Amino acid sequence: MPASAPGPIPSEPAPASVPGPGDIVVEGATGSEAVERALGGRQSEPGRPTEAPPEPPDGWRAGERALRYGTVAALALGAALVTGRPWLLALAAGPLVLLALALPRTPRAGHLTATVEVAARRCFEGEQVVARIAVVHDGGEGRLDPGITLGPGVRLDALTVGTAHLELRFTAERWGRWTLGTVDVDLYDAGGVARRTVRVDLGEVAVFPLPAAAGLTPIPVRLPTRLGEHASPQRGEGIEVIGVHPYVRGERQRRINWPATTRRGSLQLHQFAAERAADTVVMLDVLGDIRDPVTGLSSLDETFRAAAGLVRAYLRTHDRVGVVAVGGTTRWLQPGSGDAYFYRIVESVLEVRKDLVQRDPELSRLPPPALPEGALVYVFTPLTDQRILVVLDQVRSRANPLVVVEIPSGDPPAPRGDTTAELALRLWRADRDAMRFALIERGIALIAHQPGQTLDLALAPLLRTRIRGGSR
């Protein structure tokens, strides 16, 4: 697992199979000839959903060897009839003899089934997913030949073909809920002149985004009355000293502040801050996916990676964290705590990207349970759609402390010398500046996160003071 992953995903990995002496092992990148032949040009292009191939025909049919022999024999017979030269019939005899010798001596399989087992249905970006297909038939031994239709979010790295099984190794390239694809397994008879096809659906995998590096957890002014690890202005049984107070009979004498006692002439004790937990809600702007024309980075990818890092940081301090995805169908999960809650949060929004299908990005009002009273709200947005301002107004109307984390999306390309394109670029930048100015004027904290950098660099200015909420 990559070093930045939050921890092992709770699942039972399947035991790795070792190729036998009769197995054909094909491995390497997707550019290898055998892997390309298995894919057959059926790997979806980036940004497009996978098109399902037509259903394979039922029953036995002629294989490639029978078609080649039959084609040569038919051409020789046709040439003999057209030209009237009997010696051309001898050219047809050879393929027919080879076809007769290739006929199987054992009965063909009448029953053909295939079962699939996929190890690690949940993984992080860059990890491998292994699919094993077992083929069972009641005929003589034959050769297996797979045809693979690959899903959009994974890459086929290696293929192992045995006498009765196949093993495929994929690499999860992008976060989301992806369909691995389908495999059409061709079973040839012993002579290789006939084949039968069975289709295997590999199912779906959930690919989690790699969390960005983050460790800082800014807190709002008001904290709920629940035990945690954040120092509160209220007096309590914590470890952070916030002042001194006169000794009251019954208090612990080990807390005496001797310097203050000496100055004031009476017993003074340390006063500690109460430790409270925070409620945090991470809001994701999924109104659109903007790709930087220079770096090729996706704003949606960076949004989820940065948000995952922030969620992990707050969960480590035993705070409650919730999530809201704005755009299309509003998806939300009430705040909760615990290490396992990280996976619940991520899985709740994986449907945002499923096989790269674009959904109608309509806005709907935020449900009241999604934003608890006083919860600190982080909004991750590229600030490219002005409709996000409507959502921010809803949050501010509930007096929740609010922080907007801007995800850079890059400027649209403008050819040098093109006056119209340069003017459009200036208007684009002016519109972004106007949105930033509107947020600052409303008293909303605005920070910028740079991809590849730790999120703590953007969160550091928020530690100077506690984040205040709006007004109802």
Protein backbone atom coordinates (compact mmCIF):
# COMPACT_ATOMS: atom_id res chain seq x y z
CA MET A 1 0.00 0.00 0.00
CA PRO A 2 1.32 3.52 -0.71
CA ALA A 3 2.83 5.35 2.21
CA SER A 4 0.16 8.06 2.18
CA ALA A 5 -2.74 5.64 2.50
CA PRO A 6 -4.58 5.93 5.85
CA GLY A 7 -4.27 2.25 6.70
CA PRO A 8 -5.19 -1.23 5.55
CA ILE A 9 -8.71 -1.70 4.29
CA PRO A 10 -10.52 -4.33 6.39
CA SER A 11 -10.92 -7.22 3.97
CA GLU A 12 -9.77 -10.81 3.53
CA PRO A 13 -7.25 -11.00 0.67
CA ALA A 14 -7.41 -14.12 -1.46
CA PRO A 15 -4.33 -16.33 -1.52
CA ALA A 16 -2.02 -15.66 -4.43
CA SER A 17 -1.90 -18.39 -7.05
CA VAL A 18 1.42 -19.58 -8.44
CA PRO A 19 1.46 -20.28 -12.20
CA GLY A 20 1.86 -23.95 -13.00
CA PRO A 21 4.28 -25.47 -15.50
CA GLY A 22 1.65 -25.46 -18.26
CA ASP A 23 0.45 -21.89 -17.69
CA ILE A 24 1.14 -19.08 -20.12
CA VAL A 25 2.23 -15.97 -18.23
CA VAL A 26 1.83 -12.69 -20.07
CA GLU A 27 2.92 -9.67 -18.09
CA GLY A 28 4.20 -6.18 -18.62
CA ALA A 29 2.58 -2.89 -19.56
CA THR A 30 -0.55 -2.55 -21.64
CA GLY A 31 1.62 -2.12 -24.71
CA SER A 32 2.64 -5.80 -24.74
CA GLU A 33 1.35 -7.75 -27.73
CA ALA A 34 -0.42 -10.47 -25.75
CA VAL A 35 -2.24 -8.04 -23.47
CA GLU A 36 -3.24 -5.92 -26.46
CA ARG A 37 -4.49 -9.02 -28.22
CA ALA A 38 -6.57 -9.98 -25.19
CA LEU A 39 -7.98 -6.46 -24.99
CA GLY A 40 -8.73 -6.51 -28.72
CA GLY A 41 -8.98 -2.72 -28.86
CA ARG A 42 -11.82 -2.76 -26.31
CA GLN A 43 -10.19 -0.55 -23.69
CA SER A 44 -12.24 2.57 -23.14
CA GLU A 45 -10.75 5.97 -23.80
CA PRO A 46 -10.22 8.33 -20.84
CA GLY A 47 -13.37 10.32 -20.16
CA ARG A 48 -15.72 7.88 -21.89
CA PRO A 49 -17.77 5.05 -20.40
CA THR A 50 -17.16 1.51 -21.52
CA GLU A 51 -19.46 0.20 -24.26
CA ALA A 52 -20.68 -3.33 -23.60
CA PRO A 53 -19.66 -5.77 -26.37
CA PRO A 54 -22.34 -7.85 -28.14
CA GLU A 55 -23.38 -11.09 -26.50
CA PRO A 56 -21.36 -14.12 -27.66
CA PRO A 57 -23.24 -16.81 -29.65
CA ASP A 58 -24.39 -19.96 -27.90
CA GLY A 59 -23.09 -23.43 -28.63
CA TRP A 60 -20.08 -24.59 -30.61
CA ARG A 61 -18.90 -22.82 -33.76
CA ALA A 62 -15.95 -22.99 -36.10
CA GLY A 63 -12.63 -21.80 -34.76
CA GLU A 64 -9.92 -19.79 -36.51
CA ARG A 65 -8.05 -22.93 -37.64
CA ALA A 66 -11.16 -24.45 -39.25
CA LEU A 67 -11.97 -21.14 -40.94
CA ARG A 68 -8.45 -20.85 -42.36
CA TYR A 69 -8.40 -24.42 -43.69
CA GLY A 70 -11.90 -24.09 -45.10
CA THR A 71 -11.12 -20.79 -46.79
CA VAL A 72 -8.03 -22.19 -48.54
CA ALA A 73 -9.91 -25.30 -49.68
CA ALA A 74 -12.87 -23.26 -50.97
CA LEU A 75 -10.59 -20.93 -52.94
CA ALA A 76 -8.77 -23.89 -54.50
CA LEU A 77 -12.04 -25.56 -55.51
CA GLY A 78 -13.39 -22.31 -56.92
CA ALA A 79 -10.23 -21.73 -58.93
CA ALA A 80 -10.41 -25.30 -60.32
CA LEU A 81 -14.01 -24.82 -61.44
CA VAL A 82 -13.36 -21.42 -63.02
CA THR A 83 -10.17 -22.30 -64.85
CA GLY A 84 -11.01 -25.95 -65.61
CA ARG A 85 -7.59 -27.17 -64.41
CA PRO A 86 -7.94 -30.37 -62.33
CA TRP A 87 -4.51 -30.07 -60.75
CA LEU A 88 -5.79 -27.17 -58.64
CA LEU A 89 -7.91 -29.69 -56.76
CA ALA A 90 -4.70 -30.95 -55.17
CA LEU A 91 -4.36 -27.59 -53.41
CA ALA A 92 -7.67 -28.22 -51.67
CA ALA A 93 -6.71 -31.71 -50.54
CA GLY A 94 -4.00 -30.53 -48.12
CA PRO A 95 -6.21 -28.24 -45.97
CA LEU A 96 -9.01 -30.82 -45.95
CA VAL A 97 -6.64 -33.53 -44.73
CA LEU A 98 -5.28 -31.25 -41.99
CA LEU A 99 -8.84 -30.36 -41.00
CA ALA A 100 -9.76 -34.04 -40.77
CA LEU A 101 -6.68 -34.79 -38.64
CA ALA A 102 -7.55 -31.92 -36.31
CA LEU A 103 -11.01 -33.27 -35.56
CA PRO A 104 -11.14 -34.21 -31.85
CA ARG A 105 -11.05 -37.83 -30.82
CA THR A 106 -12.85 -37.04 -27.55
CA PRO A 107 -16.38 -35.66 -27.13
CA ARG A 108 -16.74 -31.89 -26.88
CA ALA A 109 -17.82 -30.24 -23.68
CA GLY A 110 -21.57 -30.03 -23.30
CA HIS A 111 -21.47 -28.11 -20.04
CA LEU A 112 -19.32 -24.97 -19.66
CA THR A 113 -19.31 -22.66 -16.64
CA ALA A 114 -16.94 -19.98 -15.35
CA THR A 115 -16.68 -18.46 -11.88
CA VAL A 116 -14.78 -15.32 -10.93
CA GLU A 117 -13.08 -14.29 -7.70
CA VAL A 118 -11.75 -10.75 -7.29
CA ALA A 119 -9.31 -10.01 -4.51
CA ALA A 120 -9.57 -6.58 -2.87
CA ARG A 121 -12.86 -5.15 -4.09
CA ARG A 122 -11.78 -1.98 -2.23
CA CYS A 123 -8.37 -0.43 -2.72
CA PHE A 124 -6.54 2.88 -3.06
CA GLU A 125 -5.27 4.56 -6.19
CA GLY A 126 -2.21 2.84 -7.61
CA GLU A 127 -2.87 -0.51 -5.93
CA GLN A 128 -3.37 -3.80 -7.75
CA VAL A 129 -6.58 -5.77 -8.11
CA VAL A 130 -6.36 -9.49 -8.96
CA ALA A 131 -9.22 -11.32 -10.70
CA ARG A 132 -9.14 -15.14 -11.00
CA ILE A 133 -11.47 -17.00 -13.37
CA ALA A 134 -11.98 -20.76 -13.03
CA VAL A 135 -13.40 -22.58 -16.09
CA VAL A 136 -15.18 -25.92 -15.59
CA HIS A 137 -16.32 -28.18 -18.48
CA ASP A 138 -17.11 -31.85 -18.99
CA GLY A 139 -15.24 -32.42 -22.26
CA GLY A 140 -11.64 -33.17 -23.19
CA GLU A 141 -8.85 -30.73 -22.50
CA GLY A 142 -8.85 -27.64 -24.67
CA ARG A 143 -7.15 -24.28 -24.97
CA LEU A 144 -8.48 -21.10 -23.32
CA ASP A 145 -8.36 -17.80 -25.20
CA PRO A 146 -9.70 -14.69 -23.39
CA GLY A 147 -11.11 -11.55 -24.93
CA ILE A 148 -11.18 -8.68 -22.43
CA THR A 149 -13.32 -5.55 -22.40
CA LEU A 150 -11.65 -3.29 -19.84
CA GLY A 151 -13.37 -0.77 -17.60
CA PRO A 152 -12.50 2.95 -17.68
CA GLY A 153 -10.74 3.37 -14.32
CA VAL A 154 -8.30 0.45 -14.36
CA ARG A 155 -5.33 -0.75 -16.42
CA LEU A 156 -4.51 -4.36 -17.27
CA ASP A 157 -0.91 -5.12 -16.30
CA ALA A 158 -0.55 -8.89 -16.48
CA LEU A 159 -2.44 -11.90 -17.78
CA THR A 160 -1.91 -15.56 -16.84
CA VAL A 161 -3.67 -18.21 -18.93
CA GLY A 162 -3.70 -21.81 -17.70
CA THR A 163 -5.49 -24.98 -18.77
CA ALA A 164 -8.55 -24.30 -16.60
CA HIS A 165 -8.04 -20.86 -15.10
CA LEU A 166 -7.11 -17.26 -15.91
CA GLU A 167 -5.57 -14.61 -13.69
CA LEU A 168 -5.74 -10.90 -14.51
CA ARG A 169 -3.85 -8.20 -12.63
CA PHE A 170 -5.22 -4.67 -12.83
CA THR A 171 -3.94 -1.34 -11.51
CA ALA A 172 -6.48 1.15 -10.15
CA GLU A 173 -5.59 4.41 -11.86
CA ARG A 174 -8.27 6.83 -10.62
CA TRP A 175 -10.56 7.00 -7.63
CA GLY A 176 -14.19 6.11 -8.12
CA ARG A 177 -16.50 3.15 -8.35
CA TRP A 178 -15.46 1.34 -11.52
CA THR A 179 -16.64 -1.65 -13.50
CA LEU A 180 -13.64 -3.91 -14.08
CA GLY A 181 -15.10 -5.11 -17.37
CA THR A 182 -16.05 -8.41 -18.94
CA VAL A 183 -14.05 -11.39 -20.19
CA ASP A 184 -15.20 -13.61 -23.07
CA VAL A 185 -13.43 -16.94 -22.52
CA ASP A 186 -13.16 -19.07 -25.67
CA LEU A 187 -12.79 -22.82 -25.02
CA TYR A 188 -11.30 -24.71 -27.98
CA ASP A 189 -11.63 -28.43 -28.49
CA ALA A 190 -8.59 -30.71 -28.49
CA GLY A 191 -8.01 -30.17 -32.22
CA GLY A 192 -8.55 -26.44 -32.07
CA VAL A 193 -11.12 -26.43 -34.93
CA ALA A 194 -14.19 -25.49 -32.85
CA ARG A 195 -14.75 -23.15 -29.95
CA ARG A 196 -17.38 -22.22 -27.42
CA THR A 197 -17.61 -18.92 -25.55
CA VAL A 198 -18.70 -18.08 -22.03
CA ARG A 199 -18.90 -14.50 -20.72
CA VAL A 200 -17.71 -13.54 -17.24
CA ASP A 201 -18.63 -10.23 -15.60
CA LEU A 202 -15.82 -9.11 -13.29
CA GLY A 203 -18.07 -6.79 -11.27
CA GLU A 204 -17.19 -3.47 -9.61
CA VAL A 205 -14.36 -2.21 -7.44
CA ALA A 206 -14.29 0.80 -5.13
CA VAL A 207 -11.08 2.81 -5.55
CA PHE A 208 -10.40 5.26 -2.73
CA PRO A 209 -8.47 8.51 -3.34
CA LEU A 210 -5.02 8.84 -1.83
CA PRO A 211 -5.39 11.34 1.05
CA ALA A 212 -3.26 14.45 0.89
CA ALA A 213 -0.78 14.98 3.71
CA ALA A 214 -2.50 16.91 6.52
CA GLY A 215 -2.09 17.11 10.28
CA LEU A 216 -3.44 20.51 11.39
CA THR A 217 -7.01 20.70 12.70
CA PRO A 218 -8.24 24.31 13.16
CA ILE A 219 -11.27 24.65 15.43
CA PRO A 220 -14.16 27.13 15.70
CA VAL A 221 -14.84 29.48 18.59
CA ARG A 222 -17.63 27.37 20.03
CA LEU A 223 -17.16 23.67 20.61
CA PRO A 224 -19.85 21.15 21.57
CA THR A 225 -19.87 19.85 25.12
CA ARG A 226 -18.24 16.55 24.28
CA LEU A 227 -14.89 15.25 25.44
CA GLY A 228 -12.10 15.53 22.89
CA GLU A 229 -8.58 16.78 22.32
CA HIS A 230 -9.13 20.50 21.57
CA ALA A 231 -8.55 23.09 24.29
CA SER A 232 -11.69 25.10 24.99
CA PRO A 233 -11.90 28.58 26.58
CA GLN A 234 -14.06 27.06 29.32
CA ARG A 235 -12.48 25.85 32.52
CA GLY A 236 -12.17 22.10 32.87
CA GLU A 237 -10.00 19.06 33.49
CA GLY A 238 -7.50 19.45 30.65
CA ILE A 239 -3.76 19.73 30.36
CA GLU A 240 -3.40 23.26 28.90
CA VAL A 241 -2.97 26.03 31.47
CA ILE A 242 -5.10 29.11 30.72
CA GLY A 243 -4.63 31.03 34.00
CA VAL A 244 -4.64 30.86 37.79
CA HIS A 245 -7.37 31.08 40.43
CA PRO A 246 -7.45 31.25 44.24
CA TYR A 247 -7.28 28.02 46.17
CA VAL A 248 -10.61 26.52 47.18
CA ARG A 249 -10.79 23.96 49.93
CA GLY A 250 -10.86 20.45 48.49
CA GLU A 251 -8.80 21.17 45.38
CA ARG A 252 -5.57 19.33 44.64
CA GLN A 253 -2.55 20.94 46.22
CA ARG A 254 -0.23 19.58 43.54
CA ARG A 255 -1.72 22.19 41.16
CA ILE A 256 -0.40 25.11 43.21
CA ASN A 257 1.26 27.79 41.10
CA TRP A 258 4.10 28.85 43.43
CA PRO A 259 5.29 31.94 41.51
CA ALA A 260 1.74 33.39 41.51
CA THR A 261 1.30 32.39 45.15
CA THR A 262 4.49 34.25 46.11
CA ARG A 263 3.47 37.41 44.27
CA ARG A 264 -0.11 37.55 45.57
CA GLY A 265 0.49 36.28 49.08
CA SER A 266 -2.25 33.64 48.88
CA LEU A 267 -2.49 30.17 47.42
CA GLN A 268 -3.03 30.25 43.66
CA LEU A 269 -3.75 27.14 41.57
CA HIS A 270 -3.37 26.41 37.87
CA GLN A 271 -6.54 26.79 35.86
CA PHE A 272 -6.84 24.31 32.98
CA ALA A 273 -8.88 24.47 29.79
CA ALA A 274 -11.59 21.94 29.15
CA GLU A 275 -10.88 19.53 26.31
CA ARG A 276 -13.65 19.27 23.78
CA ALA A 277 -14.24 17.54 20.44
CA ALA A 278 -15.25 19.37 17.27
CA ASP A 279 -17.92 18.62 14.69
CA THR A 280 -16.58 19.03 11.15
CA VAL A 281 -18.41 18.76 7.82
CA VAL A 282 -16.48 18.47 4.54
CA MET A 283 -18.47 19.79 1.58
CA LEU A 284 -17.38 18.81 -1.95
CA ASP A 285 -18.14 20.85 -5.05
CA VAL A 286 -18.90 18.27 -7.76
CA LEU A 287 -20.75 20.65 -10.09
CA GLY A 288 -18.06 20.03 -12.70
CA ASP A 289 -14.67 18.50 -13.35
CA ILE A 290 -12.16 21.04 -14.68
CA ARG A 291 -8.92 19.71 -16.14
CA ASP A 292 -5.85 21.94 -16.11
CA PRO A 293 -4.76 22.32 -19.77
CA VAL A 294 -1.10 22.65 -18.73
CA THR A 295 -0.62 19.95 -16.09
CA GLY A 296 -3.60 17.73 -16.95
CA LEU A 297 -4.70 17.61 -13.30
CA SER A 298 -8.39 17.09 -12.60
CA SER A 299 -10.04 19.47 -10.14
CA LEU A 300 -12.35 16.68 -8.98
CA ASP A 301 -9.39 14.39 -8.28
CA GLU A 302 -7.56 17.04 -6.26
CA THR A 303 -10.77 17.96 -4.41
CA PHE A 304 -11.28 14.41 -3.15
CA ARG A 305 -7.62 13.85 -2.28
CA ALA A 306 -7.38 17.05 -0.26
CA ALA A 307 -10.72 16.39 1.44
CA ALA A 308 -9.67 12.83 2.31
CA GLY A 309 -6.51 14.15 3.96
CA LEU A 310 -8.49 16.63 6.04
CA VAL A 311 -11.02 13.97 7.08
CA ARG A 312 -8.22 11.67 8.18
CA ALA A 313 -6.60 14.46 10.25
CA TYR A 314 -9.80 15.27 12.16
CA LEU A 315 -10.66 11.61 12.74
CA ARG A 316 -7.22 11.10 14.28
CA THR A 317 -8.09 13.71 16.93
CA HIS A 318 -11.32 11.80 17.73
CA ASP A 319 -13.54 14.49 16.23
CA ARG A 320 -16.79 13.79 14.44
CA VAL A 321 -16.63 14.28 10.67
CA GLY A 322 -19.41 14.32 8.06
CA VAL A 323 -19.48 14.83 4.31
CA VAL A 324 -21.77 16.53 1.78
CA ALA A 325 -21.37 16.30 -2.02
CA VAL A 326 -23.09 19.15 -3.85
CA GLY A 327 -23.99 18.63 -7.52
CA GLY A 328 -26.37 16.19 -9.14
CA THR A 329 -27.91 14.11 -6.36
CA THR A 330 -26.92 15.64 -3.03
CA ARG A 331 -25.07 12.95 -1.07
CA TRP A 332 -24.39 13.40 2.62
CA LEU A 333 -23.39 11.48 5.70
CA GLN A 334 -23.96 12.65 9.26
CA PRO A 335 -20.85 13.32 11.34
CA GLY A 336 -19.31 10.29 13.03
CA SER A 337 -15.98 9.26 14.49
CA GLY A 338 -13.64 6.29 14.47
CA ASP A 339 -11.01 4.92 12.12
CA ALA A 340 -13.52 2.81 10.19
CA TYR A 341 -15.67 5.89 9.59
CA PHE A 342 -13.11 7.14 7.05
CA TYR A 343 -14.14 4.38 4.64
CA ARG A 344 -17.83 5.07 5.18
CA ILE A 345 -17.26 8.72 4.31
CA VAL A 346 -15.34 7.91 1.13
CA GLU A 347 -17.76 5.21 -0.02
CA SER A 348 -20.70 7.57 0.45
CA VAL A 349 -19.41 9.85 -2.32
CA LEU A 350 -17.80 7.34 -4.68
CA GLU A 351 -20.99 7.29 -6.75
CA VAL A 352 -20.07 10.80 -7.92
CA ARG A 353 -17.77 9.10 -10.43
CA LYS A 354 -19.03 5.77 -11.68
CA ASP A 355 -17.76 4.65 -15.08
CA LEU A 356 -17.29 8.33 -16.04
CA VAL A 357 -21.02 8.85 -16.54
CA GLN A 358 -21.91 12.55 -16.33
CA ARG A 359 -25.06 13.40 -14.39
CA ASP A 360 -27.20 16.50 -14.47
CA PRO A 361 -25.53 18.87 -11.97
CA GLU A 362 -28.64 20.43 -10.41
CA LEU A 363 -28.63 22.06 -7.01
CA SER A 364 -30.94 21.17 -4.15
CA ARG A 365 -31.27 22.54 -0.66
CA LEU A 366 -29.00 21.08 1.98
CA PRO A 367 -30.80 18.77 4.41
CA PRO A 368 -30.73 20.09 8.02
CA PRO A 369 -29.16 16.91 9.52
CA ALA A 370 -26.19 17.28 7.15
CA LEU A 371 -25.02 20.46 8.95
CA PRO A 372 -25.22 20.13 12.74
CA GLU A 373 -25.45 23.35 14.71
CA GLY A 374 -22.02 24.89 15.26
CA ALA A 375 -20.21 22.39 13.02
CA LEU A 376 -17.13 23.70 11.21
CA VAL A 377 -17.73 23.44 7.44
CA TYR A 378 -14.93 23.11 4.88
CA VAL A 379 -15.97 23.66 1.27
CA PHE A 380 -13.56 22.30 -1.35
CA THR A 381 -14.27 23.99 -4.67
CA PRO A 382 -12.40 25.16 -7.79
CA LEU A 383 -14.57 28.33 -7.82
CA THR A 384 -15.49 27.84 -11.46
CA ASP A 385 -19.28 27.69 -11.05
CA GLN A 386 -21.09 30.63 -9.47
CA ARG A 387 -23.84 28.34 -8.22
CA ILE A 388 -21.53 27.34 -5.38
CA LEU A 389 -22.19 30.83 -3.92
CA VAL A 390 -25.83 29.82 -3.41
CA VAL A 391 -24.68 26.82 -1.38
CA LEU A 392 -22.33 28.98 0.68
CA ASP A 393 -25.20 31.36 1.46
CA GLN A 394 -27.19 28.40 2.82
CA VAL A 395 -24.31 27.49 5.12
CA ARG A 396 -23.86 31.07 6.30
CA SER A 397 -27.59 31.42 7.00
CA ARG A 398 -27.25 28.61 9.55
CA ALA A 399 -24.43 30.45 11.35
CA ASN A 400 -21.95 27.63 10.80
CA PRO A 401 -18.23 28.52 10.82
CA LEU A 402 -17.11 28.30 7.20
CA VAL A 403 -13.79 27.82 5.41
CA VAL A 404 -13.51 27.73 1.61
CA VAL A 405 -10.57 25.74 0.23
CA GLU A 406 -9.88 26.72 -3.36
CA ILE A 407 -8.63 23.94 -5.65
CA PRO A 408 -6.69 25.42 -8.62
CA SER A 409 -8.06 24.50 -12.02
CA GLY A 410 -5.69 26.43 -14.30
CA ASP A 411 -6.52 29.05 -16.90
CA PRO A 412 -8.14 28.14 -20.22
CA PRO A 413 -5.68 28.17 -23.14
CA ALA A 414 -5.38 31.44 -25.04
CA PRO A 415 -3.27 31.41 -28.22
CA ARG A 416 -0.78 34.25 -28.33
CA GLY A 417 -1.89 36.94 -30.74
CA ASP A 418 -5.56 35.97 -30.63
CA THR A 419 -7.27 39.11 -29.36
CA THR A 420 -10.60 37.42 -28.70
CA ALA A 421 -9.02 34.58 -26.72
CA GLU A 422 -6.91 36.98 -24.66
CA LEU A 423 -9.99 39.06 -23.85
CA ALA A 424 -11.88 35.93 -22.82
CA LEU A 425 -8.98 34.94 -20.55
CA ARG A 426 -9.02 38.36 -18.88
CA LEU A 427 -12.78 38.03 -18.28
CA TRP A 428 -12.23 34.54 -16.85
CA ARG A 429 -9.64 35.82 -14.39
CA ALA A 430 -11.78 38.83 -13.47
CA ASP A 431 -14.74 36.55 -12.74
CA ARG A 432 -12.58 34.38 -10.44
CA ASP A 433 -11.28 37.48 -8.64
CA ALA A 434 -14.85 38.72 -8.20
CA MET A 435 -15.89 35.43 -6.59
CA ARG A 436 -12.92 35.58 -4.21
CA PHE A 437 -13.72 39.19 -3.32
CA ALA A 438 -17.37 38.30 -2.65
CA LEU A 439 -16.31 35.56 -0.24
CA ILE A 440 -13.90 37.79 1.66
CA GLU A 441 -16.49 40.58 1.89
CA ARG A 442 -18.91 38.16 3.49
CA GLY A 443 -16.36 37.30 6.14
CA ILE A 444 -15.65 33.81 4.85
CA ALA A 445 -12.15 32.41 5.34
CA LEU A 446 -10.61 31.62 1.94
CA ILE A 447 -7.45 29.53 1.54
CA ALA A 448 -5.78 28.01 -1.53
CA HIS A 449 -4.43 24.46 -1.74
CA GLN A 450 -1.70 23.63 -4.23
CA PRO A 451 -1.67 20.04 -5.56
CA GLY A 452 1.41 18.12 -4.48
CA GLN A 453 1.89 20.20 -1.33
CA THR A 454 0.81 19.34 2.19
CA LEU A 455 -2.56 20.75 3.18
CA ASP A 456 -1.01 22.13 6.38
CA LEU A 457 0.55 25.00 4.40
CA ALA A 458 -2.93 26.22 3.49
CA LEU A 459 -4.42 25.58 6.95
CA ALA A 460 -1.62 27.26 8.91
CA PRO A 461 -3.09 30.84 8.73
CA LEU A 462 -6.30 29.55 10.36
CA LEU A 463 -4.39 28.68 13.55
CA ARG A 464 -3.79 32.35 14.39
CA THR A 465 -7.35 32.70 15.64
CA ARG A 466 -10.41 30.54 16.02
CA ILE A 467 -12.91 30.46 13.19
CA ARG A 468 -16.09 32.36 13.84
CA GLY A 469 -19.54 31.52 12.54
CA GLY A 470 -22.02 33.64 10.66
CA SER A 471 -25.24 35.23 11.85
CA ARG A 472 -28.76 33.97 11.41
